[in-house]
C-alpha atoms as a PDB file:
ATOM      1  CA  MET A   1     -16.232 108.155 -20.888  1.00  0.00           C
ATOM      2  CA  SER A   2     -12.895 109.805 -21.638  1.00  0.00           C
ATOM      3  CA  ASN A   3     -11.729 106.400 -21.700  1.00  0.00           C
ATOM      4  CA  ARG A   4     -14.071 105.009 -24.459  1.00  0.00           C
ATOM      5  CA  ALA A   5     -12.499 103.496 -27.357  1.00  0.00           C
ATOM      6  CA  VAL A   6     -14.261 104.558 -30.501  1.00  0.00           C
ATOM      7  CA  LEU A   7     -16.363 102.304 -32.530  1.00  0.00           C
ATOM      8  CA  GLU A   8     -16.896 103.122 -36.279  1.00  0.00           C
ATOM      9  CA  VAL A   9     -19.279 100.820 -38.404  1.00  0.00           C
ATOM     10  CA  ILE A  10     -20.076 101.047 -41.907  1.00  0.00           C
ATOM     11  CA  ALA A  11     -23.802 102.455 -42.784  1.00  0.00           C
ATOM     12  CA  LEU A  12     -25.218 101.921 -46.022  1.00  0.00           C
ATOM     13  CA  ASP A  13     -28.435 103.227 -44.885  1.00  0.00           C
ATOM     14  CA  ALA A  14     -31.009 103.924 -42.451  1.00  0.00           C
ATOM     15  CA  GLU A  15     -31.471 100.411 -41.398  1.00  0.00           C
ATOM     16  CA  ASP A  16     -28.129 100.292 -40.755  1.00  0.00           C
ATOM     17  CA  ALA A  17     -27.867 103.268 -39.485  1.00  0.00           C
ATOM     18  CA  VAL A  18     -30.105 102.677 -36.627  1.00  0.00           C
ATOM     19  CA  ALA A  19     -29.144  99.219 -35.933  1.00  0.00           C
ATOM     20  CA  ALA A  20     -25.449 100.541 -35.493  1.00  0.00           C
ATOM     21  CA  GLN A  21     -26.350 103.211 -33.162  1.00  0.00           C
ATOM     22  CA  ALA A  22     -28.747 100.721 -30.798  1.00  0.00           C
ATOM     23  CA  GLY A  23     -25.803  98.279 -30.889  1.00  0.00           C
ATOM     24  CA  GLY A  24     -23.269 101.058 -28.930  1.00  0.00           C
ATOM     25  CA  ALA A  25     -21.674 102.416 -32.234  1.00  0.00           C
ATOM     26  CA  ASP A  26     -19.820 105.811 -31.960  1.00  0.00           C
ATOM     27  CA  ARG A  27     -19.837 106.835 -35.502  1.00  0.00           C
ATOM     28  CA  LEU A  28     -20.881 105.639 -38.609  1.00  0.00           C
ATOM     29  CA  GLU A  29     -18.983 105.806 -42.181  1.00  0.00           C
ATOM     30  CA  LEU A  30     -21.676 106.435 -44.556  1.00  0.00           C
ATOM     31  CA  VAL A  31     -20.750 104.502 -48.559  1.00  0.00           C
ATOM     32  CA  THR A  32     -22.493 103.387 -51.640  1.00  0.00           C
ATOM     33  CA  ASP A  33     -21.727 100.033 -53.420  1.00  0.00           C
ATOM     34  CA  MET A  34     -19.610  97.569 -51.048  1.00  0.00           C
ATOM     35  CA  ALA A  35     -18.822  96.008 -54.807  1.00  0.00           C
ATOM     36  CA  ALA A  36     -15.695  98.790 -55.414  1.00  0.00           C
ATOM     37  CA  ASP A  37     -15.300  98.863 -51.512  1.00  0.00           C
ATOM     38  CA  GLY A  38     -17.281 101.871 -51.081  1.00  0.00           C
ATOM     39  CA  LEU A  39     -17.951 104.923 -53.073  1.00  0.00           C
ATOM     40  CA  THR A  40     -20.244 108.315 -51.655  1.00  0.00           C
ATOM     41  CA  PRO A  41     -23.414 108.139 -51.281  1.00  0.00           C
ATOM     42  CA  SER A  42     -25.944 110.564 -52.587  1.00  0.00           C
ATOM     43  CA  GLY A  43     -27.162 113.171 -50.512  1.00  0.00           C
ATOM     44  CA  GLU A  44     -30.726 111.937 -50.144  1.00  0.00           C
ATOM     45  CA  THR A  45     -29.313 108.596 -48.025  1.00  0.00           C
ATOM     46  CA  PHE A  46     -27.071 110.960 -46.116  1.00  0.00           C
ATOM     47  CA  ALA A  47     -30.297 113.073 -45.362  1.00  0.00           C
ATOM     48  CA  ALA A  48     -32.274 110.131 -44.320  1.00  0.00           C
ATOM     49  CA  ILE A  49     -29.151 108.748 -41.844  1.00  0.00           C
ATOM     50  CA  ARG A  50     -29.094 111.833 -40.527  1.00  0.00           C
ATOM     51  CA  SER A  51     -32.638 112.544 -39.679  1.00  0.00           C
ATOM     52  CA  ALA A  52     -32.750 108.282 -38.341  1.00  0.00           C
ATOM     53  CA  VAL A  53     -29.329 108.745 -36.116  1.00  0.00           C
ATOM     54  CA  ASP A  54     -27.550 111.238 -33.917  1.00  0.00           C
ATOM     55  CA  ILE A  55     -24.269 109.912 -33.709  1.00  0.00           C
ATOM     56  CA  PRO A  56     -21.641 111.204 -36.009  1.00  0.00           C
ATOM     57  CA  LEU A  57     -21.306 110.597 -39.592  1.00  0.00           C
ATOM     58  CA  ARG A  58     -18.081 110.433 -42.230  1.00  0.00           C
ATOM     59  CA  VAL A  59     -18.833 110.659 -46.146  1.00  0.00           C
ATOM     60  CA  MET A  60     -16.924 108.807 -47.832  1.00  0.00           C
ATOM     61  CA  LEU A  61     -15.464 110.690 -50.674  1.00  0.00           C
ATOM     62  CA  ARG A  62     -14.328 108.304 -53.276  1.00  0.00           C
ATOM     63  CA  VAL A  63     -16.050 107.582 -57.031  1.00  0.00           C
ATOM     64  CA  ALA A  64     -14.452 104.647 -58.445  1.00  0.00           C
ATOM     65  CA  ASP A  65     -13.042 101.484 -57.121  1.00  0.00           C
ATOM     66  CA  GLY A  66      -8.813 101.448 -56.128  1.00  0.00           C
ATOM     67  CA  PHE A  67      -6.985 104.452 -54.706  1.00  0.00           C
ATOM     68  CA  ALA A  68      -6.434 106.469 -57.460  1.00  0.00           C
ATOM     69  CA  ALA A  69      -8.679 109.982 -57.364  1.00  0.00           C
ATOM     70  CA  GLY A  70      -9.933 109.516 -61.181  1.00  0.00           C
ATOM     71  CA  ASP A  71     -12.011 113.124 -62.060  1.00  0.00           C
ATOM     72  CA  VAL A  72     -11.056 115.447 -59.288  1.00  0.00           C
ATOM     73  CA  GLU A  73     -13.822 117.805 -60.549  1.00  0.00           C
ATOM     74  CA  VAL A  74     -16.724 115.160 -60.070  1.00  0.00           C
ATOM     75  CA  LEU A  75     -15.098 114.623 -56.431  1.00  0.00           C
ATOM     76  CA  VAL A  76     -15.156 118.747 -56.013  1.00  0.00           C
ATOM     77  CA  GLY A  77     -19.034 118.447 -56.709  1.00  0.00           C
ATOM     78  CA  LYS A  78     -19.714 115.321 -54.439  1.00  0.00           C
ATOM     79  CA  ALA A  79     -17.952 117.273 -51.511  1.00  0.00           C
ATOM     80  CA  ARG A  80     -20.306 120.308 -52.500  1.00  0.00           C
ATOM     81  CA  GLU A  81     -22.804 118.001 -52.784  1.00  0.00           C
ATOM     82  CA  MET A  82     -22.178 116.715 -49.149  1.00  0.00           C
ATOM     83  CA  ARG A  83     -21.762 119.944 -47.725  1.00  0.00           C
ATOM     84  CA  ARG A  84     -25.070 121.058 -48.956  1.00  0.00           C
ATOM     85  CA  ALA A  85     -26.938 117.985 -47.510  1.00  0.00           C
ATOM     86  CA  GLY A  86     -25.010 118.782 -44.556  1.00  0.00           C
ATOM     87  CA  ALA A  87     -22.604 116.476 -43.587  1.00  0.00           C
ATOM     88  CA  ASP A  88     -19.439 118.087 -41.498  1.00  0.00           C
ATOM     89  CA  GLU A  89     -17.487 115.213 -41.561  1.00  0.00           C
ATOM     90  CA  TYR A  90     -15.980 113.292 -44.391  1.00  0.00           C
ATOM     91  CA  VAL A  91     -13.374 110.258 -45.468  1.00  0.00           C
ATOM     92  CA  LEU A  92     -11.217 109.996 -48.588  1.00  0.00           C
ATOM     93  CA  GLY A  93      -7.734 109.614 -49.614  1.00  0.00           C
ATOM     94  CA  PHE A  94      -5.965 108.687 -53.004  1.00  0.00           C
ATOM     95  CA  LEU A  95      -2.405 107.362 -54.343  1.00  0.00           C
ATOM     96  CA  ASP A  96      -0.807 108.752 -57.385  1.00  0.00           C
ATOM     97  CA  GLU A  97       0.721 106.207 -60.055  1.00  0.00           C
ATOM     98  CA  ASP A  98       4.013 105.988 -57.465  1.00  0.00           C
ATOM     99  CA  GLY A  99       2.174 104.944 -54.613  1.00  0.00           C
ATOM    100  CA  HIS A 100       2.519 108.393 -53.054  1.00  0.00           C
ATOM    101  CA  ALA A 101      -0.363 110.684 -51.542  1.00  0.00           C
ATOM    102  CA  ASP A 102      -2.040 112.459 -54.500  1.00  0.00           C
ATOM    103  CA  LEU A 103      -1.400 115.703 -52.896  1.00  0.00           C
ATOM    104  CA  VAL A 104      -3.069 117.528 -55.933  1.00  0.00           C
ATOM    105  CA  ALA A 105      -6.596 115.727 -55.284  1.00  0.00           C
ATOM    106  CA  VAL A 106      -6.243 115.886 -51.629  1.00  0.00           C
ATOM    107  CA  GLU A 107      -5.275 119.441 -51.204  1.00  0.00           C
ATOM    108  CA  ARG A 108      -8.087 120.270 -53.716  1.00  0.00           C
ATOM    109  CA  ILE A 109     -11.080 118.163 -51.983  1.00  0.00           C
ATOM    110  CA  VAL A 110     -10.090 119.040 -48.505  1.00  0.00           C
ATOM    111  CA  ALA A 111     -10.306 123.370 -49.388  1.00  0.00           C
ATOM    112  CA  GLU A 112     -13.720 121.953 -50.061  1.00  0.00           C
ATOM    113  CA  LEU A 113     -14.567 120.590 -46.940  1.00  0.00           C
ATOM    114  CA  ASP A 114     -13.974 124.217 -45.181  1.00  0.00           C
ATOM    115  CA  GLY A 115     -11.967 122.817 -42.021  1.00  0.00           C
ATOM    116  CA  ALA A 116     -14.142 120.042 -41.818  1.00  0.00           C
ATOM    117  CA  ARG A 117     -12.869 116.952 -40.088  1.00  0.00           C
ATOM    118  CA  TRP A 118     -11.543 113.676 -42.144  1.00  0.00           C
ATOM    119  CA  THR A 119     -10.330 110.240 -41.999  1.00  0.00           C
ATOM    120  CA  TYR A 120      -7.381 109.266 -44.722  1.00  0.00           C
ATOM    121  CA  HIS A 121      -8.571 105.689 -45.157  1.00  0.00           C
ATOM    122  CA  ARG A 122      -7.206 102.732 -46.318  1.00  0.00           C
ATOM    123  CA  ALA A 123      -4.987 103.994 -49.012  1.00  0.00           C
ATOM    124  CA  ILE A 124      -2.231 104.492 -46.570  1.00  0.00           C
ATOM    125  CA  ASP A 125      -1.643 100.654 -46.470  1.00  0.00           C
ATOM    126  CA  ARG A 126      -1.233 100.361 -50.333  1.00  0.00           C
ATOM    127  CA  ALA A 127       1.560 103.815 -50.068  1.00  0.00           C
ATOM    128  CA  ALA A 128       4.954 103.162 -51.040  1.00  0.00           C
ATOM    129  CA  ASP A 129       5.887 105.040 -48.063  1.00  0.00           C
ATOM    130  CA  ARG A 130       3.688 105.367 -45.135  1.00  0.00           C
ATOM    131  CA  ASP A 131       5.795 107.857 -43.354  1.00  0.00           C
ATOM    132  CA  ALA A 132       5.951 109.965 -46.099  1.00  0.00           C
ATOM    133  CA  LEU A 133       3.054 110.293 -46.851  1.00  0.00           C
ATOM    134  CA  ARG A 134       1.561 111.007 -42.837  1.00  0.00           C
ATOM    135  CA  LYS A 135       4.345 113.438 -43.394  1.00  0.00           C
ATOM    136  CA  GLN A 136       3.127 115.026 -46.439  1.00  0.00           C
ATOM    137  CA  LEU A 137      -0.801 115.538 -45.140  1.00  0.00           C
ATOM    138  CA  ALA A 138       0.420 116.417 -41.747  1.00  0.00           C
ATOM    139  CA  ASP A 139       0.212 120.105 -42.694  1.00  0.00           C
ATOM    140  CA  LEU A 140      -3.652 119.662 -44.256  1.00  0.00           C
ATOM    141  CA  PRO A 141      -6.592 121.361 -42.102  1.00  0.00           C
ATOM    142  CA  GLY A 142      -9.173 118.757 -40.365  1.00  0.00           C
ATOM    143  CA  LEU A 143      -7.442 115.923 -40.927  1.00  0.00           C
ATOM    144  CA  ASP A 144      -7.750 113.957 -37.196  1.00  0.00           C
ATOM    145  CA  THR A 145      -7.396 110.002 -38.256  1.00  0.00           C
ATOM    146  CA  TYR A 146      -6.025 107.110 -40.316  1.00  0.00           C
ATOM    147  CA  LEU A 147      -8.425 104.392 -41.334  1.00  0.00           C
ATOM    148  CA  THR A 148      -5.460 101.496 -41.595  1.00  0.00           C
ATOM    149  CA  ALA A 149      -4.927  97.345 -40.873  1.00  0.00           C
ATOM    150  CA  GLY A 150      -1.065  98.332 -40.806  1.00  0.00           C
ATOM    151  CA  SER A 151      -0.898  95.952 -43.983  1.00  0.00           C
ATOM    152  CA  PRO A 152      -2.948  95.636 -47.415  1.00  0.00           C
ATOM    153  CA  ASP A 153      -3.139  92.391 -46.774  1.00  0.00           C
ATOM    154  CA  GLY A 154      -5.241  93.313 -43.504  1.00  0.00           C
ATOM    155  CA  VAL A 155      -4.772  93.560 -39.565  1.00  0.00           C
ATOM    156  CA  ASP A 156      -3.643  89.881 -39.305  1.00  0.00           C
ATOM    157  CA  ALA A 157      -0.325  90.974 -41.037  1.00  0.00           C
ATOM    158  CA  GLY A 158      -0.521  94.585 -40.175  1.00  0.00           C
ATOM    159  CA  ILE A 159      -0.444  94.866 -36.551  1.00  0.00           C
ATOM    160  CA  PRO A 160       3.923  95.300 -36.348  1.00  0.00           C
ATOM    161  CA  THR A 161       2.710  98.210 -38.016  1.00  0.00           C
ATOM    162  CA  LEU A 162      -0.062  99.271 -36.245  1.00  0.00           C
ATOM    163  CA  LEU A 163       1.615  98.908 -32.972  1.00  0.00           C
ATOM    164  CA  ALA A 164       5.115 100.773 -34.062  1.00  0.00           C
ATOM    165  CA  GLU A 165       3.112 103.829 -35.227  1.00  0.00           C
ATOM    166  CA  ALA A 166       1.319 103.921 -32.258  1.00  0.00           C
ATOM    167  CA  ALA A 167       4.678 104.454 -30.103  1.00  0.00           C
ATOM    168  CA  ARG A 168       5.293 107.229 -32.623  1.00  0.00           C
ATOM    169  CA  THR A 169       1.612 108.677 -31.417  1.00  0.00           C
ATOM    170  CA  GLY A 170       1.966 112.371 -31.120  1.00  0.00           C
ATOM    171  CA  GLN A 171       5.379 113.139 -33.497  1.00  0.00           C
ATOM    172  CA  PRO A 172       4.975 114.587 -36.262  1.00  0.00           C
ATOM    173  CA  GLY A 173       2.748 113.193 -38.775  1.00  0.00           C
ATOM    174  CA  TYR A 174       1.628 110.897 -36.446  1.00  0.00           C
ATOM    175  CA  GLU A 175      -0.720 113.107 -34.219  1.00  0.00           C
ATOM    176  CA  PRO A 176      -3.838 111.784 -36.065  1.00  0.00           C
ATOM    177  CA  GLN A 177      -6.082 108.856 -34.399  1.00  0.00           C
ATOM    178  CA  ILE A 178      -5.338 105.523 -35.191  1.00  0.00           C
ATOM    179  CA  LEU A 179      -8.454 103.982 -36.450  1.00  0.00           C
ATOM    180  CA  VAL A 180      -7.955  99.966 -36.910  1.00  0.00           C
ATOM    181  CA  GLY A 181     -10.263  98.561 -39.363  1.00  0.00           C
ATOM    182  CA  GLY A 182      -9.759  95.998 -42.348  1.00  0.00           C
ATOM    183  CA  GLY A 183      -9.949  92.247 -41.414  1.00  0.00           C
ATOM    184  CA  LEU A 184     -10.008  93.386 -37.946  1.00  0.00           C
ATOM    185  CA  GLN A 185     -11.280  90.951 -35.499  1.00  0.00           C
ATOM    186  CA  LEU A 186     -12.362  90.463 -31.615  1.00  0.00           C
ATOM    187  CA  HIS A 187      -9.295  88.514 -30.509  1.00  0.00           C
ATOM    188  CA  HIS A 188      -6.884  91.368 -32.336  1.00  0.00           C
ATOM    189  CA  LEU A 189      -8.697  93.635 -29.849  1.00  0.00           C
ATOM    190  CA  PRO A 190      -6.416  92.879 -26.670  1.00  0.00           C
ATOM    191  CA  GLN A 191      -3.423  93.829 -27.790  1.00  0.00           C
ATOM    192  CA  LEU A 192      -4.038  96.917 -29.593  1.00  0.00           C
ATOM    193  CA  ARG A 193      -5.798  98.177 -26.844  1.00  0.00           C
ATOM    194  CA  ALA A 194      -3.150  98.069 -24.620  1.00  0.00           C
ATOM    195  CA  ALA A 195      -0.926  99.158 -26.977  1.00  0.00           C
ATOM    196  CA  GLY A 196      -2.697 102.389 -26.575  1.00  0.00           C
ATOM    197  CA  ILE A 197      -5.220 102.571 -29.413  1.00  0.00           C
ATOM    198  CA  ASP A 198      -8.611 103.563 -28.528  1.00  0.00           C
ATOM    199  CA  ALA A 199     -10.541 103.590 -32.284  1.00  0.00           C
ATOM    200  CA  PHE A 200     -12.119 100.626 -34.130  1.00  0.00           C
ATOM    201  CA  HIS A 201     -13.872  99.940 -37.644  1.00  0.00           C
ATOM    202  CA  ILE A 202     -16.028  97.166 -38.619  1.00  0.00           C
ATOM    203  CA  GLY A 203     -18.090  96.545 -41.809  1.00  0.00           C
ATOM    204  CA  GLY A 204     -18.282  92.784 -42.578  1.00  0.00           C
ATOM    205  CA  ALA A 205     -18.242  91.953 -38.845  1.00  0.00           C
ATOM    206  CA  ALA A 206     -21.374  93.979 -38.331  1.00  0.00           C
ATOM    207  CA  ARG A 207     -23.029  91.655 -40.356  1.00  0.00           C
ATOM    208  CA  PRO A 208     -22.899  88.205 -39.817  1.00  0.00           C
ATOM    209  CA  ALA A 209     -25.687  87.296 -42.600  1.00  0.00           C
ATOM    210  CA  GLY A 210     -22.879  88.985 -45.386  1.00  0.00           C
ATOM    211  CA  TRP A 211     -23.444  92.548 -47.344  1.00  0.00           C
ATOM    212  CA  SER A 212     -26.889  91.493 -48.794  1.00  0.00           C
ATOM    213  CA  ALA A 213     -28.203  91.953 -44.728  1.00  0.00           C
ATOM    214  CA  PRO A 214     -28.506  95.232 -42.712  1.00  0.00           C
ATOM    215  CA  VAL A 215     -26.503  95.637 -39.895  1.00  0.00           C
ATOM    216  CA  ASP A 216     -27.159  93.199 -37.186  1.00  0.00           C
ATOM    217  CA  ALA A 217     -27.961  95.473 -33.803  1.00  0.00           C
ATOM    218  CA  ALA A 218     -26.391  92.121 -31.490  1.00  0.00           C
ATOM    219  CA  ALA A 219     -23.608  91.881 -33.098  1.00  0.00           C
ATOM    220  CA  VAL A 220     -22.189  95.343 -32.980  1.00  0.00           C
ATOM    221  CA  ARG A 221     -23.237  95.436 -29.458  1.00  0.00           C
ATOM    222  CA  GLU A 222     -20.711  92.377 -28.881  1.00  0.00           C
ATOM    223  CA  TRP A 223     -17.831  94.309 -30.044  1.00  0.00           C
ATOM    224  CA  ARG A 224     -18.849  97.481 -28.034  1.00  0.00           C
ATOM    225  CA  GLU A 225     -18.997  94.722 -25.049  1.00  0.00           C
ATOM    226  CA  ALA A 226     -15.440  93.717 -26.166  1.00  0.00           C
ATOM    227  CA  LEU A 227     -14.255  97.649 -26.308  1.00  0.00           C
ATOM    228  CA  ASP A 228     -15.818  98.269 -23.000  1.00  0.00           C
ATOM    229  CA  ALA A 229     -14.433  95.041 -20.893  1.00  0.00           C
END
């Protein structure tokens, strides 16, 4: 089990969650409104999913499309709501107007999470300087993962960046796990795995019939088997 790669799947509801777990997902990212690339779900949705599956859940903290934080007090309220509902892992990430990490927003929200583990999501792929962003965030409590495609254009374009960052694992700012997602395809896995990358995130790939259909356990299982091969 120590060499098992992490497979994280986006879930919108309990039906998705059950199918993802049945297919071999290790963790779920919980969101709503994929038309806006994923916003914070309701406390009721979290509770329903939590009662349906027993794998880790990372809850998105995001209230508007894009990578600007918007109203930080609203985000803080969402974080508090999710804490009350029992969430103990999160996903967030915001940039300021210059493309740097929005430390005011991120630090304000992280302060509400009481040390809980969290992922900085694909805002890193839109950052003006990825290395500077990593170093800005390096000392924040709970940050253990970066969800990234290596490029705003997706994994095809981002592989050189992903490989370069994987080679820096353990250096200051590079301690968090790389979770590859964003246009990820099965044929990318061998090269990424060979570089030591061991965490992968899928959304649409778990739904062959599109976002209007639920997660397909067989599609998730195909990814699980590819990662375990």
